[in-house]
PDB file of N, CA and C in Angstrom:
ATOM      1  N   UNK A   1     -24.365  62.546  56.255  1.00  0.00           N
ATOM      2  CA  UNK A   1     -24.158  62.948  54.819  1.00  0.00           C
ATOM      3  C   UNK A   1     -24.123  64.310  54.829  1.00  0.00           C
ATOM      4  N   UNK A   2     -24.609  65.169  55.889  1.00  0.00           N
ATOM      5  CA  UNK A   2     -24.518  66.822  55.549  1.00  0.00           C
ATOM      6  C   UNK A   2     -23.015  67.060  55.570  1.00  0.00           C
ATOM      7  N   UNK A   3     -22.074  66.345  56.067  1.00  0.00           N
ATOM      8  CA  UNK A   3     -20.736  66.649  56.376  1.00  0.00           C
ATOM      9  C   UNK A   3     -20.263  66.732  54.749  1.00  0.00           C
ATOM     10  N   UNK A   4     -20.423  66.086  54.089  1.00  0.00           N
ATOM     11  CA  UNK A   4     -20.088  65.702  52.682  1.00  0.00           C
ATOM     12  C   UNK A   4     -20.935  66.805  51.706  1.00  0.00           C
ATOM     13  N   UNK A   5     -22.334  67.429  51.950  1.00  0.00           N
ATOM     14  CA  UNK A   5     -22.657  67.899  50.784  1.00  0.00           C
ATOM     15  C   UNK A   5     -23.955  68.665  51.594  1.00  0.00           C
ATOM     16  N   UNK A   6     -24.520  70.012  50.907  1.00  0.00           N
ATOM     17  CA  UNK A   6     -25.843  70.364  51.395  1.00  0.00           C
ATOM     18  C   UNK A   6     -26.834  70.353  50.652  1.00  0.00           C
ATOM     19  N   UNK A   7     -26.826  69.488  49.439  1.00  0.00           N
ATOM     20  CA  UNK A   7     -27.830  69.317  48.386  1.00  0.00           C
ATOM     21  C   UNK A   7     -28.634  68.197  49.097  1.00  0.00           C
ATOM     22  N   UNK A   8     -30.190  68.356  49.465  1.00  0.00           N
ATOM     23  CA  UNK A   8     -30.735  67.535  50.317  1.00  0.00           C
ATOM     24  C   UNK A   8     -31.309  66.434  49.166  1.00  0.00           C
ATOM     25  N   UNK A   9     -31.383  66.363  48.136  1.00  0.00           N
ATOM     26  CA  UNK A   9     -31.441  65.182  47.286  1.00  0.00           C
ATOM     27  C   UNK A   9     -30.454  64.342  47.441  1.00  0.00           C
ATOM     28  N   UNK A  10     -29.219  64.540  47.326  1.00  0.00           N
ATOM     29  CA  UNK A  10     -27.828  63.677  47.696  1.00  0.00           C
ATOM     30  C   UNK A  10     -28.020  63.414  48.990  1.00  0.00           C
ATOM     31  N   UNK A  11     -28.310  64.221  49.983  1.00  0.00           N
ATOM     32  CA  UNK A  11     -28.397  63.717  51.409  1.00  0.00           C
ATOM     33  C   UNK A  11     -29.610  62.237  51.416  1.00  0.00           C
ATOM     34  N   UNK A  12     -30.794  62.575  50.889  1.00  0.00           N
ATOM     35  CA  UNK A  12     -31.796  61.781  51.266  1.00  0.00           C
ATOM     36  C   UNK A  12     -31.379  60.426  50.370  1.00  0.00           C
ATOM     37  N   UNK A  13     -30.641  60.688  49.193  1.00  0.00           N
ATOM     38  CA  UNK A  13     -30.179  59.008  48.535  1.00  0.00           C
ATOM     39  C   UNK A  13     -28.938  58.635  49.699  1.00  0.00           C
ATOM     40  N   UNK A  14     -28.190  59.368  50.061  1.00  0.00           N
ATOM     41  CA  UNK A  14     -26.944  59.015  50.711  1.00  0.00           C
ATOM     42  C   UNK A  14     -27.704  58.442  51.901  1.00  0.00           C
ATOM     43  N   UNK A  15     -28.405  59.062  52.415  1.00  0.00           N
ATOM     44  CA  UNK A  15     -28.803  58.330  53.650  1.00  0.00           C
ATOM     45  C   UNK A  15     -30.023  56.970  53.825  1.00  0.00           C
ATOM     46  N   UNK A  16     -30.621  56.872  52.383  1.00  0.00           N
ATOM     47  CA  UNK A  16     -31.046  55.607  52.362  1.00  0.00           C
ATOM     48  C   UNK A  16     -30.393  54.670  51.729  1.00  0.00           C
ATOM     49  N   UNK A  17     -29.341  54.993  51.114  1.00  0.00           N
ATOM     50  CA  UNK A  17     -28.082  53.945  50.904  1.00  0.00           C
ATOM     51  C   UNK A  17     -27.583  53.369  51.956  1.00  0.00           C
ATOM     52  N   UNK A  18     -27.006  54.055  53.212  1.00  0.00           N
ATOM     53  CA  UNK A  18     -26.785  53.810  54.307  1.00  0.00           C
ATOM     54  C   UNK A  18     -27.610  52.962  55.250  1.00  0.00           C
ATOM     55  N   UNK A  19     -28.586  53.447  55.168  1.00  0.00           N
ATOM     56  CA  UNK A  19     -29.942  52.656  55.623  1.00  0.00           C
ATOM     57  C   UNK A  19     -30.278  51.367  55.575  1.00  0.00           C
ATOM     58  N   UNK A  20     -30.005  51.203  53.987  1.00  0.00           N
ATOM     59  CA  UNK A  20     -30.600  49.950  53.448  1.00  0.00           C
ATOM     60  C   UNK A  20     -28.957  48.929  53.658  1.00  0.00           C
ATOM     61  N   UNK A  21     -28.075  49.599  53.178  1.00  0.00           N
ATOM     62  CA  UNK A  21     -26.686  48.588  52.826  1.00  0.00           C
ATOM     63  C   UNK A  21     -26.433  48.045  54.232  1.00  0.00           C
ATOM     64  N   UNK A  22     -26.334  49.221  55.258  1.00  0.00           N
ATOM     65  CA  UNK A  22     -25.824  48.749  56.616  1.00  0.00           C
ATOM     66  C   UNK A  22     -26.431  47.620  57.249  1.00  0.00           C
ATOM     67  N   UNK A  23     -27.404  47.396  56.861  1.00  0.00           N
ATOM     68  CA  UNK A  23     -28.240  46.120  57.371  1.00  0.00           C
ATOM     69  C   UNK A  23     -27.541  44.571  57.125  1.00  0.00           C
ATOM     70  N   UNK A  24     -26.698  44.665  56.166  1.00  0.00           N
ATOM     71  CA  UNK A  24     -25.779  43.367  55.935  1.00  0.00           C
ATOM     72  C   UNK A  24     -24.584  43.594  56.375  1.00  0.00           C
ATOM     73  N   UNK A  25     -23.809  44.439  56.850  1.00  0.00           N
ATOM     74  CA  UNK A  25     -22.426  44.895  57.125  1.00  0.00           C
ATOM     75  C   UNK A  25     -21.879  43.846  57.972  1.00  0.00           C
ATOM     76  N   UNK A  26     -22.741  43.305  59.110  1.00  0.00           N
ATOM     77  CA  UNK A  26     -22.312  42.677  60.224  1.00  0.00           C
ATOM     78  C   UNK A  26     -21.802  41.327  59.518  1.00  0.00           C
ATOM     79  N   UNK A  27     -22.641  40.366  58.747  1.00  0.00           N
ATOM     80  CA  UNK A  27     -22.570  39.435  57.988  1.00  0.00           C
ATOM     81  C   UNK A  27     -21.625  39.667  56.988  1.00  0.00           C
ATOM     82  N   UNK A  28     -21.793  40.455  56.211  1.00  0.00           N
ATOM     83  CA  UNK A  28     -20.849  41.185  55.350  1.00  0.00           C
ATOM     84  C   UNK A  28     -19.398  40.976  55.704  1.00  0.00           C
ATOM     85  N   UNK A  29     -19.099  41.626  56.938  1.00  0.00           N
ATOM     86  CA  UNK A  29     -17.411  41.609  57.336  1.00  0.00           C
ATOM     87  C   UNK A  29     -17.208  40.183  57.703  1.00  0.00           C
ATOM     88  N   UNK A  30     -18.184  39.111  58.150  1.00  0.00           N
ATOM     89  CA  UNK A  30     -17.923  37.834  58.641  1.00  0.00           C
ATOM     90  C   UNK A  30     -17.403  36.967  57.131  1.00  0.00           C
ATOM     91  N   UNK A  31     -18.290  37.198  56.137  1.00  0.00           N
ATOM     92  CA  UNK A  31     -17.982  36.817  55.280  1.00  0.00           C
ATOM     93  C   UNK A  31     -16.739  37.249  54.157  1.00  0.00           C
ATOM     94  N   UNK A  32     -16.352  38.487  54.282  1.00  0.00           N
ATOM     95  CA  UNK A  32     -15.116  39.055  53.750  1.00  0.00           C
ATOM     96  C   UNK A  32     -13.867  38.429  54.650  1.00  0.00           C
ATOM     97  N   UNK A  33     -13.902  38.149  55.815  1.00  0.00           N
ATOM     98  CA  UNK A  33     -12.783  37.433  56.601  1.00  0.00           C
ATOM     99  C   UNK A  33     -12.745  36.048  56.071  1.00  0.00           C
ATOM    100  N   UNK A  34     -13.976  35.329  55.859  1.00  0.00           N
ATOM    101  CA  UNK A  34     -13.722  33.960  55.147  1.00  0.00           C
ATOM    102  C   UNK A  34     -13.234  33.819  53.874  1.00  0.00           C
ATOM    103  N   UNK A  35     -13.761  34.819  53.254  1.00  0.00           N
ATOM    104  CA  UNK A  35     -13.148  34.921  51.880  1.00  0.00           C
ATOM    105  C   UNK A  35     -11.467  35.241  51.646  1.00  0.00           C
ATOM    106  N   UNK A  36     -11.142  35.917  52.545  1.00  0.00           N
ATOM    107  CA  UNK A  36      -9.549  36.546  52.836  1.00  0.00           C
ATOM    108  C   UNK A  36      -8.970  35.174  53.451  1.00  0.00           C
ATOM    109  N   UNK A  37      -9.446  34.563  54.239  1.00  0.00           N
ATOM    110  CA  UNK A  37      -9.041  32.900  54.580  1.00  0.00           C
ATOM    111  C   UNK A  37      -8.760  32.012  53.711  1.00  0.00           C
ATOM    112  N   UNK A  38      -9.544  32.133  52.595  1.00  0.00           N
ATOM    113  CA  UNK A  38      -9.214  31.324  51.532  1.00  0.00           C
ATOM    114  C   UNK A  38      -7.959  31.821  50.877  1.00  0.00           C
ATOM    115  N   UNK A  39      -7.911  32.973  50.402  1.00  0.00           N
ATOM    116  CA  UNK A  39      -6.650  33.539  49.851  1.00  0.00           C
ATOM    117  C   UNK A  39      -5.506  33.240  50.927  1.00  0.00           C
ATOM    118  N   UNK A  40      -5.577  33.319  52.096  1.00  0.00           N
ATOM    119  CA  UNK A  40      -4.389  33.180  53.025  1.00  0.00           C
ATOM    120  C   UNK A  40      -3.898  31.775  52.746  1.00  0.00           C
ATOM    121  N   UNK A  41      -4.729  30.969  52.514  1.00  0.00           N
ATOM    122  CA  UNK A  41      -4.734  29.309  52.237  1.00  0.00           C
ATOM    123  C   UNK A  41      -3.990  29.012  51.269  1.00  0.00           C
ATOM    124  N   UNK A  42      -3.652  30.105  49.994  1.00  0.00           N
ATOM    125  CA  UNK A  42      -3.407  29.612  48.995  1.00  0.00           C
ATOM    126  C   UNK A  42      -4.367  29.350  48.036  1.00  0.00           C
ATOM    127  N   UNK A  43      -5.808  28.996  48.219  1.00  0.00           N
ATOM    128  CA  UNK A  43      -6.750  28.931  47.435  1.00  0.00           C
ATOM    129  C   UNK A  43      -7.392  30.567  46.797  1.00  0.00           C
ATOM    130  N   UNK A  44      -6.977  30.858  45.825  1.00  0.00           N
ATOM    131  CA  UNK A  44      -7.389  32.000  45.247  1.00  0.00           C
ATOM    132  C   UNK A  44      -8.479  31.833  44.121  1.00  0.00           C
ATOM    133  N   UNK A  45      -8.640  30.545  43.595  1.00  0.00           N
ATOM    134  CA  UNK A  45      -9.714  30.212  42.494  1.00  0.00           C
ATOM    135  C   UNK A  45     -11.068  30.479  43.219  1.00  0.00           C
ATOM    136  N   UNK A  46     -11.204  29.912  44.608  1.00  0.00           N
ATOM    137  CA  UNK A  46     -12.549  29.693  45.120  1.00  0.00           C
ATOM    138  C   UNK A  46     -13.130  31.239  45.301  1.00  0.00           C
ATOM    139  N   UNK A  47     -12.299  32.003  46.167  1.00  0.00           N
ATOM    140  CA  UNK A  47     -13.019  33.287  46.236  1.00  0.00           C
ATOM    141  C   UNK A  47     -13.016  33.927  44.961  1.00  0.00           C
ATOM    142  N   UNK A  48     -12.454  33.848  43.843  1.00  0.00           N
ATOM    143  CA  UNK A  48     -12.639  34.524  42.497  1.00  0.00           C
ATOM    144  C   UNK A  48     -13.693  34.188  41.994  1.00  0.00           C
ATOM    145  N   UNK A  49     -13.938  32.674  42.152  1.00  0.00           N
ATOM    146  CA  UNK A  49     -15.219  32.296  41.648  1.00  0.00           C
ATOM    147  C   UNK A  49     -16.641  32.472  42.225  1.00  0.00           C
ATOM    148  N   UNK A  50     -16.683  32.743  43.349  1.00  0.00           N
ATOM    149  CA  UNK A  50     -17.384  33.328  44.356  1.00  0.00           C
ATOM    150  C   UNK A  50     -17.704  35.010  44.006  1.00  0.00           C
ATOM    151  N   UNK A  51     -16.779  35.571  44.044  1.00  0.00           N
ATOM    152  CA  UNK A  51     -16.667  37.126  43.886  1.00  0.00           C
ATOM    153  C   UNK A  51     -17.336  37.315  42.126  1.00  0.00           C
ATOM    154  N   UNK A  52     -16.927  36.253  41.573  1.00  0.00           N
ATOM    155  CA  UNK A  52     -17.608  36.493  39.832  1.00  0.00           C
ATOM    156  C   UNK A  52     -18.840  36.285  39.851  1.00  0.00           C
ATOM    157  N   UNK A  53     -19.548  34.880  40.726  1.00  0.00           N
ATOM    158  CA  UNK A  53     -20.714  34.840  40.743  1.00  0.00           C
ATOM    159  C   UNK A  53     -21.601  36.072  41.372  1.00  0.00           C
ATOM    160  N   UNK A  54     -21.124  36.143  42.707  1.00  0.00           N
ATOM    161  CA  UNK A  54     -22.130  37.196  43.488  1.00  0.00           C
ATOM    162  C   UNK A  54     -22.083  38.453  42.899  1.00  0.00           C
ATOM    163  N   UNK A  55     -21.154  39.272  42.368  1.00  0.00           N
ATOM    164  CA  UNK A  55     -21.122  40.453  41.675  1.00  0.00           C
ATOM    165  C   UNK A  55     -21.512  40.382  40.486  1.00  0.00           C
ATOM    166  N   UNK A  56     -21.123  39.709  39.286  1.00  0.00           N
ATOM    167  CA  UNK A  56     -21.286  39.792  37.779  1.00  0.00           C
ATOM    168  C   UNK A  56     -22.498  39.009  37.433  1.00  0.00           C
ATOM    169  N   UNK A  57     -22.780  37.849  38.169  1.00  0.00           N
ATOM    170  CA  UNK A  57     -24.295  37.029  37.818  1.00  0.00           C
ATOM    171  C   UNK A  57     -24.976  37.502  38.553  1.00  0.00           C
ATOM    172  N   UNK A  58     -25.151  38.162  39.698  1.00  0.00           N
ATOM    173  CA  UNK A  58     -26.181  37.963  40.663  1.00  0.00           C
ATOM    174  C   UNK A  58     -26.424  39.647  40.894  1.00  0.00           C
ATOM    175  N   UNK A  59     -25.499  40.468  41.172  1.00  0.00           N
ATOM    176  CA  UNK A  59     -25.542  41.933  41.687  1.00  0.00           C
ATOM    177  C   UNK A  59     -25.916  42.547  40.605  1.00  0.00           C
ATOM    178  N   UNK A  60     -25.112  42.616  39.430  1.00  0.00           N
ATOM    179  CA  UNK A  60     -25.435  43.730  38.365  1.00  0.00           C
ATOM    180  C   UNK A  60     -26.866  43.435  37.735  1.00  0.00           C
ATOM    181  N   UNK A  61     -27.456  42.210  37.262  1.00  0.00           N
ATOM    182  CA  UNK A  61     -28.601  42.125  36.979  1.00  0.00           C
ATOM    183  C   UNK A  61     -29.512  42.502  37.944  1.00  0.00           C
ATOM    184  N   UNK A  62     -29.293  41.943  39.141  1.00  0.00           N
ATOM    185  CA  UNK A  62     -30.382  42.407  40.142  1.00  0.00           C
ATOM    186  C   UNK A  62     -30.512  43.734  40.201  1.00  0.00           C
ATOM    187  N   UNK A  63     -29.447  44.410  40.284  1.00  0.00           N
ATOM    188  CA  UNK A  63     -29.323  45.989  40.668  1.00  0.00           C
ATOM    189  C   UNK A  63     -30.364  46.704  39.226  1.00  0.00           C
ATOM    190  N   UNK A  64     -29.866  46.198  38.079  1.00  0.00           N
ATOM    191  CA  UNK A  64     -30.859  46.619  36.851  1.00  0.00           C
ATOM    192  C   UNK A  64     -32.099  46.311  36.817  1.00  0.00           C
ATOM    193  N   UNK A  65     -32.406  45.053  37.524  1.00  0.00           N
ATOM    194  CA  UNK A  65     -33.694  44.727  37.414  1.00  0.00           C
ATOM    195  C   UNK A  65     -34.711  45.366  38.443  1.00  0.00           C
ATOM    196  N   UNK A  66     -34.079  45.616  39.664  1.00  0.00           N
ATOM    197  CA  UNK A  66     -34.694  46.432  40.743  1.00  0.00           C
ATOM    198  C   UNK A  66     -34.463  48.133  40.517  1.00  0.00           C
ATOM    199  N   UNK A  67     -33.953  48.517  40.128  1.00  0.00           N
ATOM    200  CA  UNK A  67     -33.496  49.646  39.806  1.00  0.00           C
ATOM    201  C   UNK A  67     -34.225  50.659  38.593  1.00  0.00           C
ATOM    202  N   UNK A  68     -34.272  49.766  37.712  1.00  0.00           N
ATOM    203  CA  UNK A  68     -34.730  50.067  36.247  1.00  0.00           C
ATOM    204  C   UNK A  68     -36.143  49.452  35.750  1.00  0.00           C
ATOM    205  N   UNK A  69     -36.107  48.091  35.880  1.00  0.00           N
ATOM    206  CA  UNK A  69     -37.480  47.261  35.476  1.00  0.00           C
ATOM    207  C   UNK A  69     -38.366  47.388  36.528  1.00  0.00           C
ATOM    208  N   UNK A  70     -38.277  47.394  37.653  1.00  0.00           N
ATOM    209  CA  UNK A  70     -39.279  47.385  39.023  1.00  0.00           C
ATOM    210  C   UNK A  70     -39.321  48.789  39.294  1.00  0.00           C
ATOM    211  N   UNK A  71     -38.819  49.647  38.891  1.00  0.00           N
ATOM    212  CA  UNK A  71     -38.881  51.192  39.305  1.00  0.00           C
ATOM    213  C   UNK A  71     -38.561  51.674  40.672  1.00  0.00           C
ATOM    214  N   UNK A  72     -37.463  50.997  41.296  1.00  0.00           N
ATOM    215  CA  UNK A  72     -37.383  51.336  42.657  1.00  0.00           C
ATOM    216  C   UNK A  72     -36.141  52.483  42.616  1.00  0.00           C
ATOM    217  N   UNK A  73     -35.798  52.403  41.743  1.00  0.00           N
ATOM    218  CA  UNK A  73     -34.530  53.610  41.394  1.00  0.00           C
ATOM    219  C   UNK A  73     -33.241  53.138  42.172  1.00  0.00           C
ATOM    220  N   UNK A  74     -32.559  54.521  42.868  1.00  0.00           N
ATOM    221  CA  UNK A  74     -31.386  53.925  43.566  1.00  0.00           C
ATOM    222  C   UNK A  74     -31.526  53.026  44.703  1.00  0.00           C
ATOM    223  N   UNK A  75     -32.882  53.051  45.265  1.00  0.00           N
ATOM    224  CA  UNK A  75     -33.034  52.199  46.339  1.00  0.00           C
ATOM    225  C   UNK A  75     -33.124  50.627  45.999  1.00  0.00           C
ATOM    226  N   UNK A  76     -33.449  50.557  44.676  1.00  0.00           N
ATOM    227  CA  UNK A  76     -33.432  49.057  44.393  1.00  0.00           C
ATOM    228  C   UNK A  76     -31.899  48.476  44.003  1.00  0.00           C
ATOM    229  N   UNK A  77     -31.059  49.701  43.488  1.00  0.00           N
ATOM    230  CA  UNK A  77     -29.633  49.120  43.589  1.00  0.00           C
ATOM    231  C   UNK A  77     -29.212  48.942  45.038  1.00  0.00           C
ATOM    232  N   UNK A  78     -29.348  49.431  45.796  1.00  0.00           N
ATOM    233  CA  UNK A  78     -29.197  49.537  47.218  1.00  0.00           C
ATOM    234  C   UNK A  78     -29.514  48.089  47.759  1.00  0.00           C
ATOM    235  N   UNK A  79     -30.784  47.765  47.562  1.00  0.00           N
ATOM    236  CA  UNK A  79     -31.345  46.534  47.750  1.00  0.00           C
ATOM    237  C   UNK A  79     -30.371  45.161  47.109  1.00  0.00           C
ATOM    238  N   UNK A  80     -30.035  45.554  45.883  1.00  0.00           N
ATOM    239  CA  UNK A  80     -29.290  44.342  45.182  1.00  0.00           C
ATOM    240  C   UNK A  80     -27.699  44.075  45.738  1.00  0.00           C
ATOM    241  N   UNK A  81     -27.251  45.426  46.473  1.00  0.00           N
ATOM    242  CA  UNK A  81     -25.947  45.463  47.012  1.00  0.00           C
ATOM    243  C   UNK A  81     -26.315  44.505  48.495  1.00  0.00           C
ATOM    244  N   UNK A  82     -27.519  44.937  48.907  1.00  0.00           N
ATOM    245  CA  UNK A  82     -27.755  43.853  50.339  1.00  0.00           C
ATOM    246  C   UNK A  82     -27.833  42.490  50.125  1.00  0.00           C
ATOM    247  N   UNK A  83     -28.641  42.362  48.873  1.00  0.00           N
ATOM    248  CA  UNK A  83     -28.752  40.938  48.962  1.00  0.00           C
ATOM    249  C   UNK A  83     -27.671  40.085  48.407  1.00  0.00           C
ATOM    250  N   UNK A  84     -26.580  40.953  47.645  1.00  0.00           N
ATOM    251  CA  UNK A  84     -25.340  40.510  47.068  1.00  0.00           C
ATOM    252  C   UNK A  84     -24.301  40.183  48.205  1.00  0.00           C
ATOM    253  N   UNK A  85     -24.265  40.995  49.240  1.00  0.00           N
ATOM    254  CA  UNK A  85     -23.490  40.992  50.209  1.00  0.00           C
ATOM    255  C   UNK A  85     -23.752  39.755  51.257  1.00  0.00           C
ATOM    256  N   UNK A  86     -24.880  39.697  51.163  1.00  0.00           N
ATOM    257  CA  UNK A  86     -25.696  38.780  52.263  1.00  0.00           C
ATOM    258  C   UNK A  86     -25.409  37.294  51.224  1.00  0.00           C
ATOM    259  N   UNK A  87     -25.214  37.336  50.125  1.00  0.00           N
ATOM    260  CA  UNK A  87     -25.254  35.886  49.695  1.00  0.00           C
ATOM    261  C   UNK A  87     -23.723  35.485  49.533  1.00  0.00           C
ATOM    262  N   UNK A  88     -23.091  36.710  49.498  1.00  0.00           N
ATOM    263  CA  UNK A  88     -21.734  36.211  49.480  1.00  0.00           C
ATOM    264  C   UNK A  88     -21.028  35.517  50.810  1.00  0.00           C
ATOM    265  N   UNK A  89     -21.624  36.332  51.662  1.00  0.00           N
ATOM    266  CA  UNK A  89     -21.028  35.846  53.037  1.00  0.00           C
ATOM    267  C   UNK A  89     -21.670  34.338  53.145  1.00  0.00           C
ATOM    268  N   UNK A  90     -23.042  34.146  52.703  1.00  0.00           N
ATOM    269  CA  UNK A  90     -23.317  32.747  53.256  1.00  0.00           C
ATOM    270  C   UNK A  90     -22.714  31.732  52.346  1.00  0.00           C
ATOM    271  N   UNK A  91     -22.432  32.069  51.127  1.00  0.00           N
ATOM    272  CA  UNK A  91     -21.903  31.199  50.021  1.00  0.00           C
ATOM    273  C   UNK A  91     -20.397  31.012  50.556  1.00  0.00           C
ATOM    274  N   UNK A  92     -19.628  31.916  50.855  1.00  0.00           N
ATOM    275  CA  UNK A  92     -18.373  31.721  51.511  1.00  0.00           C
ATOM    276  C   UNK A  92     -18.306  30.916  52.867  1.00  0.00           C
ATOM    277  N   UNK A  93     -19.147  31.020  53.681  1.00  0.00           N
ATOM    278  CA  UNK A  93     -19.040  30.365  54.934  1.00  0.00           C
ATOM    279  C   UNK A  93     -19.553  28.978  54.330  1.00  0.00           C
ATOM    280  N   UNK A  94     -20.320  28.787  53.653  1.00  0.00           N
ATOM    281  CA  UNK A  94     -20.749  27.441  53.496  1.00  0.00           C
ATOM    282  C   UNK A  94     -19.425  26.700  52.310  1.00  0.00           C
ATOM    283  N   UNK A  95     -19.023  27.411  51.928  1.00  0.00           N
ATOM    284  CA  UNK A  95     -17.721  26.539  50.894  1.00  0.00           C
ATOM    285  C   UNK A  95     -16.418  26.215  51.846  1.00  0.00           C
ATOM    286  N   UNK A  96     -16.405  27.168  52.816  1.00  0.00           N
ATOM    287  CA  UNK A  96     -15.373  27.179  53.685  1.00  0.00           C
ATOM    288  C   UNK A  96     -15.602  25.948  54.836  1.00  0.00           C
ATOM    289  N   UNK A  97     -16.712  25.751  55.185  1.00  0.00           N
ATOM    290  CA  UNK A  97     -17.133  24.738  56.082  1.00  0.00           C
ATOM    291  C   UNK A  97     -17.142  23.320  55.207  1.00  0.00           C
ATOM    292  N   UNK A  98     -17.267  23.411  54.030  1.00  0.00           N
ATOM    293  CA  UNK A  98     -16.817  21.880  53.347  1.00  0.00           C
ATOM    294  C   UNK A  98     -15.383  21.540  52.990  1.00  0.00           C
ATOM    295  N   UNK A  99     -14.456  22.404  53.646  1.00  0.00           N
ATOM    296  CA  UNK A  99     -13.127  22.203  53.844  1.00  0.00           C
ATOM    297  C   UNK A  99     -12.278  21.991  52.826  1.00  0.00           C
ATOM    298  N   UNK A 100     -12.912  21.967  51.414  1.00  0.00           N
ATOM    299  CA  UNK A 100     -11.670  21.615  49.905  1.00  0.00           C
ATOM    300  C   UNK A 100     -10.783  22.462  50.083  1.00  0.00           C
ATOM    301  N   UNK A 101     -10.858  23.714  50.551  1.00  0.00           N
ATOM    302  CA  UNK A 101      -9.660  24.500  50.716  1.00  0.00           C
ATOM    303  C   UNK A 101      -8.482  24.094  51.453  1.00  0.00           C
ATOM    304  N   UNK A 102      -8.618  23.266  52.087  1.00  0.00           N
ATOM    305  CA  UNK A 102      -7.502  22.361  52.960  1.00  0.00           C
ATOM    306  C   UNK A 102      -6.569  21.619  51.962  1.00  0.00           C
ATOM    307  N   UNK A 103      -6.935  21.469  50.917  1.00  0.00           N
ATOM    308  CA  UNK A 103      -6.160  20.511  50.042  1.00  0.00           C
ATOM    309  C   UNK A 103      -5.549  21.187  48.982  1.00  0.00           C
ATOM    310  N   UNK A 104      -5.760  22.477  48.790  1.00  0.00           N
ATOM    311  CA  UNK A 104      -4.965  23.458  47.935  1.00  0.00           C
ATOM    312  C   UNK A 104      -3.367  23.305  48.421  1.00  0.00           C
ATOM    313  N   UNK A 105      -2.885  23.254  47.389  1.00  0.00           N
ATOM    314  CA  UNK A 105      -1.570  23.018  47.416  1.00  0.00           C
ATOM    315  C   UNK A 105      -1.067  24.496  46.953  1.00  0.00           C
ATOM    316  N   UNK A 106      -0.039  25.050  47.492  1.00  0.00           N
ATOM    317  CA  UNK A 106       0.692  26.220  47.203  1.00  0.00           C
ATOM    318  C   UNK A 106       1.731  26.105  46.510  1.00  0.00           C
TER     319      UNK A 106
END
């Protein structure tokens, strides 16, 4: 973080963000590949619904709840991202394994 700023507060928040969110990036990368596989197969509806659910229904309210209501501040938002990215990956993998995307006609 010191490459981008010398402000100790920004460095502290940025370092916390990287520590927390990096916990889910391995699984998130796998989920992102699966979501793009839907797109490549011509099924654009499924990834749209997964993204709509994960980001609008889960991440935004959870970030507000953890950040504001539970008083975790920015760390609460980072944890909301961690939960959402993990959820997106797990849902994508599950839906992909169901195989309904194979029946999509382009």
